[in-house]
Amino acid sequence: MTAGNPQTLVSDDWNRRAPAFDGVASHVVQAGLWRETLAAAFQAGEPRDVVDLGTGTGASALIAAGLGHRGRACDGSEA
């Protein structure tokens, strides 16, 4: 790896990998299991604020929103 801005290097790597990511990501391929896991982790009787940092596809934030939570997703990679 050449020297450079770490954020640029990471973003460039994820931009390159993004087109194929949805087909292999566990939170997409096993969405039901992730939904069960997040529901158990939140153990919420009421909506919570959820932040998914490095969200990628946004799948985890979307699952949290589907569970009734207020989700935000942030990623440094455009793709």
PDB file of N, CA and C in Angstrom:
ATOM      1  N   MET A   1       0.854  -1.176   0.000  1.00  0.00           N
ATOM      2  CA  MET A   1       0.000   0.000   0.000  1.00  0.00           C
ATOM      3  C   MET A   1       0.895   1.232   0.000  1.00  0.00           C
ATOM      4  N   THR A   2       0.544   2.183  -0.798  1.00  0.00           N
ATOM      5  CA  THR A   2       1.319   3.413  -0.857  1.00  0.00           C
ATOM      6  C   THR A   2       0.840   4.372   0.220  1.00  0.00           C
ATOM      7  N   ALA A   3       1.718   5.295   0.569  1.00  0.00           N
ATOM      8  CA  ALA A   3       1.352   6.311   1.562  1.00  0.00           C
ATOM      9  C   ALA A   3       0.305   7.234   0.959  1.00  0.00           C
ATOM     10  N   GLY A   4      -0.595   7.698   1.804  1.00  0.00           N
ATOM     11  CA  GLY A   4      -1.636   8.605   1.346  1.00  0.00           C
ATOM     12  C   GLY A   4      -2.587   8.894   2.481  1.00  0.00           C
ATOM     13  N   ASN A   5      -3.598   9.647   2.187  1.00  0.00           N
ATOM     14  CA  ASN A   5      -4.615   9.974   3.171  1.00  0.00           C
ATOM     15  C   ASN A   5      -5.374   8.698   3.537  1.00  0.00           C
ATOM     16  N   PRO A   6      -5.358   8.297   4.819  1.00  0.00           N
ATOM     17  CA  PRO A   6      -6.028   7.047   5.206  1.00  0.00           C
ATOM     18  C   PRO A   6      -7.506   7.013   4.823  1.00  0.00           C
ATOM     19  N   GLN A   7      -8.221   8.118   4.997  1.00  0.00           N
ATOM     20  CA  GLN A   7      -9.644   8.130   4.646  1.00  0.00           C
ATOM     21  C   GLN A   7      -9.836   7.903   3.153  1.00  0.00           C
ATOM     22  N   THR A   8      -8.991   8.513   2.341  1.00  0.00           N
ATOM     23  CA  THR A   8      -9.084   8.341   0.892  1.00  0.00           C
ATOM     24  C   THR A   8      -8.797   6.894   0.505  1.00  0.00           C
ATOM     25  N   LEU A   9      -7.792   6.303   1.132  1.00  0.00           N
ATOM     26  CA  LEU A   9      -7.447   4.917   0.835  1.00  0.00           C
ATOM     27  C   LEU A   9      -8.588   3.970   1.202  1.00  0.00           C
ATOM     28  N   VAL A  10      -9.181   4.174   2.359  1.00  0.00           N
ATOM     29  CA  VAL A  10     -10.290   3.322   2.791  1.00  0.00           C
ATOM     30  C   VAL A  10     -11.497   3.526   1.879  1.00  0.00           C
ATOM     31  N   SER A  11     -11.834   4.784   1.610  1.00  0.00           N
ATOM     32  CA  SER A  11     -12.986   5.067   0.735  1.00  0.00           C
ATOM     33  C   SER A  11     -12.779   4.495  -0.658  1.00  0.00           C
ATOM     34  N   ASP A  12     -11.582   4.636  -1.204  1.00  0.00           N
ATOM     35  CA  ASP A  12     -11.295   4.097  -2.533  1.00  0.00           C
ATOM     36  C   ASP A  12     -11.453   2.573  -2.554  1.00  0.00           C
ATOM     37  N   ASP A  13     -10.990   1.923  -1.480  1.00  0.00           N
ATOM     38  CA  ASP A  13     -11.113   0.473  -1.399  1.00  0.00           C
ATOM     39  C   ASP A  13     -12.583   0.054  -1.383  1.00  0.00           C
ATOM     40  N   TRP A  14     -13.394   0.723  -0.536  1.00  0.00           N
ATOM     41  CA  TRP A  14     -14.814   0.363  -0.460  1.00  0.00           C
ATOM     42  C   TRP A  14     -15.562   0.754  -1.730  1.00  0.00           C
ATOM     43  N   ASN A  15     -15.211   1.845  -2.370  1.00  0.00           N
ATOM     44  CA  ASN A  15     -15.844   2.205  -3.640  1.00  0.00           C
ATOM     45  C   ASN A  15     -15.585   1.123  -4.691  1.00  0.00           C
ATOM     46  N   ARG A  16     -14.383   0.559  -4.666  1.00  0.00           N
ATOM     47  CA  ARG A  16     -14.029  -0.501  -5.611  1.00  0.00           C
ATOM     48  C   ARG A  16     -14.809  -1.782  -5.307  1.00  0.00           C
ATOM     49  N   ARG A  17     -15.003  -2.101  -4.024  1.00  0.00           N
ATOM     50  CA  ARG A  17     -15.652  -3.344  -3.619  1.00  0.00           C
ATOM     51  C   ARG A  17     -17.178  -3.270  -3.585  1.00  0.00           C
ATOM     52  N   ALA A  18     -17.725  -2.066  -3.539  1.00  0.00           N
ATOM     53  CA  ALA A  18     -19.162  -1.872  -3.314  1.00  0.00           C
ATOM     54  C   ALA A  18     -20.077  -2.601  -4.303  1.00  0.00           C
ATOM     55  N   PRO A  19     -19.789  -2.602  -5.600  1.00  0.00           N
ATOM     56  CA  PRO A  19     -20.735  -3.222  -6.537  1.00  0.00           C
ATOM     57  C   PRO A  19     -21.044  -4.694  -6.243  1.00  0.00           C
ATOM     58  N   ALA A  20     -20.104  -5.422  -5.670  1.00  0.00           N
ATOM     59  CA  ALA A  20     -20.317  -6.850  -5.390  1.00  0.00           C
ATOM     60  C   ALA A  20     -20.689  -7.118  -3.935  1.00  0.00           C
ATOM     61  N   PHE A  21     -20.688  -6.090  -3.101  1.00  0.00           N
ATOM     62  CA  PHE A  21     -20.829  -6.294  -1.663  1.00  0.00           C
ATOM     63  C   PHE A  21     -22.189  -6.833  -1.253  1.00  0.00           C
ATOM     64  N   ASP A  22     -23.273  -6.334  -1.828  1.00  0.00           N
ATOM     65  CA  ASP A  22     -24.615  -6.768  -1.432  1.00  0.00           C
ATOM     66  C   ASP A  22     -24.817  -8.272  -1.586  1.00  0.00           C
ATOM     67  N   GLY A  23     -24.171  -8.873  -2.552  1.00  0.00           N
ATOM     68  CA  GLY A  23     -24.365 -10.297  -2.790  1.00  0.00           C
ATOM     69  C   GLY A  23     -23.715 -11.206  -1.769  1.00  0.00           C
ATOM     70  N   VAL A  24     -22.781 -10.674  -0.978  1.00  0.00           N
ATOM     71  CA  VAL A  24     -22.053 -11.526  -0.032  1.00  0.00           C
ATOM     72  C   VAL A  24     -22.130 -11.045   1.409  1.00  0.00           C
ATOM     73  N   ALA A  25     -22.652  -9.866   1.640  1.00  0.00           N
ATOM     74  CA  ALA A  25     -22.688  -9.319   2.995  1.00  0.00           C
ATOM     75  C   ALA A  25     -23.648 -10.119   3.867  1.00  0.00           C
ATOM     76  N   SER A  26     -23.184 -10.497   5.053  1.00  0.00           N
ATOM     77  CA  SER A  26     -24.016 -11.341   5.926  1.00  0.00           C
ATOM     78  C   SER A  26     -25.304 -10.651   6.333  1.00  0.00           C
ATOM     79  N   HIS A  27     -25.282  -9.322   6.503  1.00  0.00           N
ATOM     80  CA  HIS A  27     -26.500  -8.636   6.923  1.00  0.00           C
ATOM     81  C   HIS A  27     -27.512  -8.504   5.791  1.00  0.00           C
ATOM     82  N   VAL A  28     -27.117  -8.829   4.589  1.00  0.00           N
ATOM     83  CA  VAL A  28     -28.048  -8.861   3.461  1.00  0.00           C
ATOM     84  C   VAL A  28     -28.482 -10.303   3.218  1.00  0.00           C
ATOM     85  N   VAL A  29     -27.513 -11.211   3.165  1.00  0.00           N
ATOM     86  CA  VAL A  29     -27.788 -12.612   2.891  1.00  0.00           C
ATOM     87  C   VAL A  29     -28.588 -13.252   4.023  1.00  0.00           C
ATOM     88  N   GLN A  30     -28.318 -12.851   5.259  1.00  0.00           N
ATOM     89  CA  GLN A  30     -29.005 -13.408   6.429  1.00  0.00           C
ATOM     90  C   GLN A  30     -29.776 -12.313   7.169  1.00  0.00           C
ATOM     91  N   ALA A  31     -30.599 -11.578   6.436  1.00  0.00           N
ATOM     92  CA  ALA A  31     -31.316 -10.432   7.008  1.00  0.00           C
ATOM     93  C   ALA A  31     -32.204 -10.828   8.187  1.00  0.00           C
ATOM     94  N   GLY A  32     -32.830 -11.987   8.123  1.00  0.00           N
ATOM     95  CA  GLY A  32     -33.695 -12.434   9.217  1.00  0.00           C
ATOM     96  C   GLY A  32     -32.919 -12.630  10.510  1.00  0.00           C
ATOM     97  N   LEU A  33     -31.743 -13.225  10.406  1.00  0.00           N
ATOM     98  CA  LEU A  33     -30.903 -13.433  11.583  1.00  0.00           C
ATOM     99  C   LEU A  33     -30.442 -12.093  12.162  1.00  0.00           C
ATOM    100  N   TRP A  34     -30.071 -11.160  11.284  1.00  0.00           N
ATOM    101  CA  TRP A  34     -29.659  -9.828  11.746  1.00  0.00           C
ATOM    102  C   TRP A  34     -30.824  -9.116  12.422  1.00  0.00           C
ATOM    103  N   ARG A  35     -32.015  -9.263  11.867  1.00  0.00           N
ATOM    104  CA  ARG A  35     -33.194  -8.632  12.467  1.00  0.00           C
ATOM    105  C   ARG A  35     -33.420  -9.169  13.881  1.00  0.00           C
ATOM    106  N   GLU A  36     -33.352 -10.494  14.045  1.00  0.00           N
ATOM    107  CA  GLU A  36     -33.515 -11.102  15.363  1.00  0.00           C
ATOM    108  C   GLU A  36     -32.424 -10.625  16.330  1.00  0.00           C
ATOM    109  N   THR A  37     -31.198 -10.557  15.840  1.00  0.00           N
ATOM    110  CA  THR A  37     -30.065 -10.149  16.676  1.00  0.00           C
ATOM    111  C   THR A  37     -30.207  -8.702  17.128  1.00  0.00           C
ATOM    112  N   LEU A  38     -30.556  -7.813  16.182  1.00  0.00           N
ATOM    113  CA  LEU A  38     -30.714  -6.401  16.550  1.00  0.00           C
ATOM    114  C   LEU A  38     -31.907  -6.193  17.477  1.00  0.00           C
ATOM    115  N   ALA A  39     -32.988  -6.908  17.251  1.00  0.00           N
ATOM    116  CA  ALA A  39     -34.158  -6.791  18.131  1.00  0.00           C
ATOM    117  C   ALA A  39     -33.784  -7.205  19.551  1.00  0.00           C
ATOM    118  N   ALA A  40     -33.025  -8.281  19.690  1.00  0.00           N
ATOM    119  CA  ALA A  40     -32.599  -8.744  21.017  1.00  0.00           C
ATOM    120  C   ALA A  40     -31.615  -7.758  21.654  1.00  0.00           C
ATOM    121  N   ALA A  41     -30.716  -7.204  20.846  1.00  0.00           N
ATOM    122  CA  ALA A  41     -29.719  -6.270  21.381  1.00  0.00           C
ATOM    123  C   ALA A  41     -30.366  -4.982  21.880  1.00  0.00           C
ATOM    124  N   PHE A  42     -31.377  -4.483  21.159  1.00  0.00           N
ATOM    125  CA  PHE A  42     -32.023  -3.232  21.566  1.00  0.00           C
ATOM    126  C   PHE A  42     -32.955  -3.427  22.760  1.00  0.00           C
ATOM    127  N   GLN A  43     -33.591  -4.591  22.857  1.00  0.00           N
ATOM    128  CA  GLN A  43     -34.529  -4.877  23.945  1.00  0.00           C
ATOM    129  C   GLN A  43     -35.328  -3.631  24.305  1.00  0.00           C
ATOM    130  N   ALA A  44     -35.921  -3.047  23.309  1.00  0.00           N
ATOM    131  CA  ALA A  44     -36.589  -1.760  23.491  1.00  0.00           C
ATOM    132  C   ALA A  44     -38.093  -1.914  23.563  1.00  0.00           C
ATOM    133  N   GLY A  45     -38.673  -1.291  24.551  1.00  0.00           N
ATOM    134  CA  GLY A  45     -40.117  -1.199  24.618  1.00  0.00           C
ATOM    135  C   GLY A  45     -40.596   0.040  23.895  1.00  0.00           C
ATOM    136  N   GLU A  46     -39.674   0.899  23.570  1.00  0.00           N
ATOM    137  CA  GLU A  46     -39.990   2.144  22.872  1.00  0.00           C
ATOM    138  C   GLU A  46     -38.897   2.414  21.843  1.00  0.00           C
ATOM    139  N   PRO A  47     -39.164   3.241  20.844  1.00  0.00           N
ATOM    140  CA  PRO A  47     -38.165   3.533  19.811  1.00  0.00           C
ATOM    141  C   PRO A  47     -36.900   4.158  20.405  1.00  0.00           C
ATOM    142  N   ARG A  48     -35.785   3.789  19.826  1.00  0.00           N
ATOM    143  CA  ARG A  48     -34.484   4.328  20.232  1.00  0.00           C
ATOM    144  C   ARG A  48     -33.816   5.005  19.039  1.00  0.00           C
ATOM    145  N   ASP A  49     -32.846   5.872  19.338  1.00  0.00           N
ATOM    146  CA  ASP A  49     -32.019   6.474  18.297  1.00  0.00           C
ATOM    147  C   ASP A  49     -30.883   5.505  17.996  1.00  0.00           C
ATOM    148  N   VAL A  50     -30.731   5.146  16.733  1.00  0.00           N
ATOM    149  CA  VAL A  50     -29.727   4.173  16.318  1.00  0.00           C
ATOM    150  C   VAL A  50     -28.840   4.810  15.256  1.00  0.00           C
ATOM    151  N   VAL A  51     -27.533   4.698  15.430  1.00  0.00           N
ATOM    152  CA  VAL A  51     -26.584   5.223  14.445  1.00  0.00           C
ATOM    153  C   VAL A  51     -25.775   4.049  13.901  1.00  0.00           C
ATOM    154  N   ASP A  52     -25.785   3.898  12.604  1.00  0.00           N
ATOM    155  CA  ASP A  52     -25.032   2.838  11.930  1.00  0.00           C
ATOM    156  C   ASP A  52     -23.856   3.503  11.221  1.00  0.00           C
ATOM    157  N   LEU A  53     -22.686   3.480  11.857  1.00  0.00           N
ATOM    158  CA  LEU A  53     -21.493   4.111  11.294  1.00  0.00           C
ATOM    159  C   LEU A  53     -20.762   3.115  10.403  1.00  0.00           C
ATOM    160  N   GLY A  54     -20.308   3.588   9.266  1.00  0.00           N
ATOM    161  CA  GLY A  54     -19.701   2.692   8.287  1.00  0.00           C
ATOM    162  C   GLY A  54     -20.762   1.770   7.720  1.00  0.00           C
ATOM    163  N   THR A  55     -21.923   2.327   7.444  1.00  0.00           N
ATOM    164  CA  THR A  55     -23.120   1.547   7.123  1.00  0.00           C
ATOM    165  C   THR A  55     -23.032   0.737   5.841  1.00  0.00           C
ATOM    166  N   GLY A  56     -22.232   1.165   4.895  1.00  0.00           N
ATOM    167  CA  GLY A  56     -22.166   0.415   3.635  1.00  0.00           C
ATOM    168  C   GLY A  56     -23.494   0.452   2.921  1.00  0.00           C
ATOM    169  N   THR A  57     -24.160  -0.686   2.838  1.00  0.00           N
ATOM    170  CA  THR A  57     -25.432  -0.796   2.122  1.00  0.00           C
ATOM    171  C   THR A  57     -26.591  -0.158   2.872  1.00  0.00           C
ATOM    172  N   GLY A  58     -26.411   0.115   4.145  1.00  0.00           N
ATOM    173  CA  GLY A  58     -27.487   0.682   4.953  1.00  0.00           C
ATOM    174  C   GLY A  58     -28.429  -0.366   5.504  1.00  0.00           C
ATOM    175  N   ALA A  59     -28.117  -1.637   5.278  1.00  0.00           N
ATOM    176  CA  ALA A  59     -29.018  -2.720   5.664  1.00  0.00           C
ATOM    177  C   ALA A  59     -29.301  -2.732   7.167  1.00  0.00           C
ATOM    178  N   SER A  60     -28.289  -2.544   7.994  1.00  0.00           N
ATOM    179  CA  SER A  60     -28.515  -2.583   9.443  1.00  0.00           C
ATOM    180  C   SER A  60     -29.374  -1.415   9.905  1.00  0.00           C
ATOM    181  N   ALA A  61     -29.155  -0.243   9.343  1.00  0.00           N
ATOM    182  CA  ALA A  61     -29.977   0.918   9.687  1.00  0.00           C
ATOM    183  C   ALA A  61     -31.420   0.702   9.236  1.00  0.00           C
ATOM    184  N   LEU A  62     -31.598   0.091   8.078  1.00  0.00           N
ATOM    185  CA  LEU A  62     -32.944  -0.187   7.585  1.00  0.00           C
ATOM    186  C   LEU A  62     -33.651  -1.223   8.459  1.00  0.00           C
ATOM    187  N   ILE A  63     -32.916  -2.223   8.925  1.00  0.00           N
ATOM    188  CA  ILE A  63     -33.508  -3.209   9.831  1.00  0.00           C
ATOM    189  C   ILE A  63     -33.936  -2.525  11.125  1.00  0.00           C
ATOM    190  N   ALA A  64     -33.065  -1.673  11.675  1.00  0.00           N
ATOM    191  CA  ALA A  64     -33.411  -0.949  12.908  1.00  0.00           C
ATOM    192  C   ALA A  64     -34.668  -0.103  12.698  1.00  0.00           C
ATOM    193  N   ALA A  65     -34.748   0.580  11.562  1.00  0.00           N
ATOM    194  CA  ALA A  65     -35.936   1.390  11.269  1.00  0.00           C
ATOM    195  C   ALA A  65     -37.171   0.503  11.142  1.00  0.00           C
ATOM    196  N   GLY A  66     -36.999  -0.668  10.545  1.00  0.00           N
ATOM    197  CA  GLY A  66     -38.104  -1.602  10.416  1.00  0.00           C
ATOM    198  C   GLY A  66     -38.596  -2.117  11.760  1.00  0.00           C
ATOM    199  N   LEU A  67     -37.732  -2.062  12.764  1.00  0.00           N
ATOM    200  CA  LEU A  67     -38.101  -2.456  14.124  1.00  0.00           C
ATOM    201  C   LEU A  67     -38.740  -1.297  14.883  1.00  0.00           C
ATOM    202  N   GLY A  68     -38.866  -0.143  14.203  1.00  0.00           N
ATOM    203  CA  GLY A  68     -39.528   1.008  14.812  1.00  0.00           C
ATOM    204  C   GLY A  68     -38.599   2.025  15.438  1.00  0.00           C
ATOM    205  N   HIS A  69     -37.285   1.871  15.208  1.00  0.00           N
ATOM    206  CA  HIS A  69     -36.323   2.807  15.785  1.00  0.00           C
ATOM    207  C   HIS A  69     -36.032   3.946  14.805  1.00  0.00           C
ATOM    208  N   ARG A  70     -35.439   4.998  15.329  1.00  0.00           N
ATOM    209  CA  ARG A  70     -35.037   6.139  14.504  1.00  0.00           C
ATOM    210  C   ARG A  70     -33.583   5.908  14.089  1.00  0.00           C
ATOM    211  N   GLY A  71     -33.391   5.543  12.833  1.00  0.00           N
ATOM    212  CA  GLY A  71     -32.057   5.189  12.370  1.00  0.00           C
ATOM    213  C   GLY A  71     -31.394   6.265  11.546  1.00  0.00           C
ATOM    214  N   ARG A  72     -30.087   6.354  11.713  1.00  0.00           N
ATOM    215  CA  ARG A  72     -29.237   7.198  10.872  1.00  0.00           C
ATOM    216  C   ARG A  72     -28.089   6.333  10.375  1.00  0.00           C
ATOM    217  N   ALA A  73     -27.724   6.543   9.146  1.00  0.00           N
ATOM    218  CA  ALA A  73     -26.639   5.776   8.556  1.00  0.00           C
ATOM    219  C   ALA A  73     -25.606   6.736   7.980  1.00  0.00           C
ATOM    220  N   CYS A  74     -24.342   6.422   8.183  1.00  0.00           N
ATOM    221  CA  CYS A  74     -23.262   7.270   7.694  1.00  0.00           C
ATOM    222  C   CYS A  74     -22.146   6.378   7.153  1.00  0.00           C
ATOM    223  N   ASP A  75     -21.647   6.737   5.991  1.00  0.00           N
ATOM    224  CA  ASP A  75     -20.560   5.978   5.393  1.00  0.00           C
ATOM    225  C   ASP A  75     -19.642   6.928   4.636  1.00  0.00           C
ATOM    226  N   GLY A  76     -18.361   6.651   4.663  1.00  0.00           N
ATOM    227  CA  GLY A  76     -17.397   7.501   3.992  1.00  0.00           C
ATOM    228  C   GLY A  76     -17.204   7.160   2.532  1.00  0.00           C
ATOM    229  N   SER A  77     -17.813   6.093   2.068  1.00  0.00           N
ATOM    230  CA  SER A  77     -17.663   5.647   0.690  1.00  0.00           C
ATOM    231  C   SER A  77     -18.919   5.983  -0.105  1.00  0.00           C
ATOM    232  N   GLU A  78     -18.762   6.662  -1.220  1.00  0.00           N
ATOM    233  CA  GLU A  78     -19.920   7.045  -2.029  1.00  0.00           C
ATOM    234  C   GLU A  78     -20.654   5.840  -2.578  1.00  0.00           C
ATOM    235  N   ALA A  79     -19.917   4.876  -3.070  1.00  0.00           N
ATOM    236  CA  ALA A  79     -20.559   3.686  -3.686  1.00  0.00           C
ATOM    237  C   ALA A  79     -21.231   2.831  -2.638  1.00  0.00           C
TER     238      ALA A  79
END
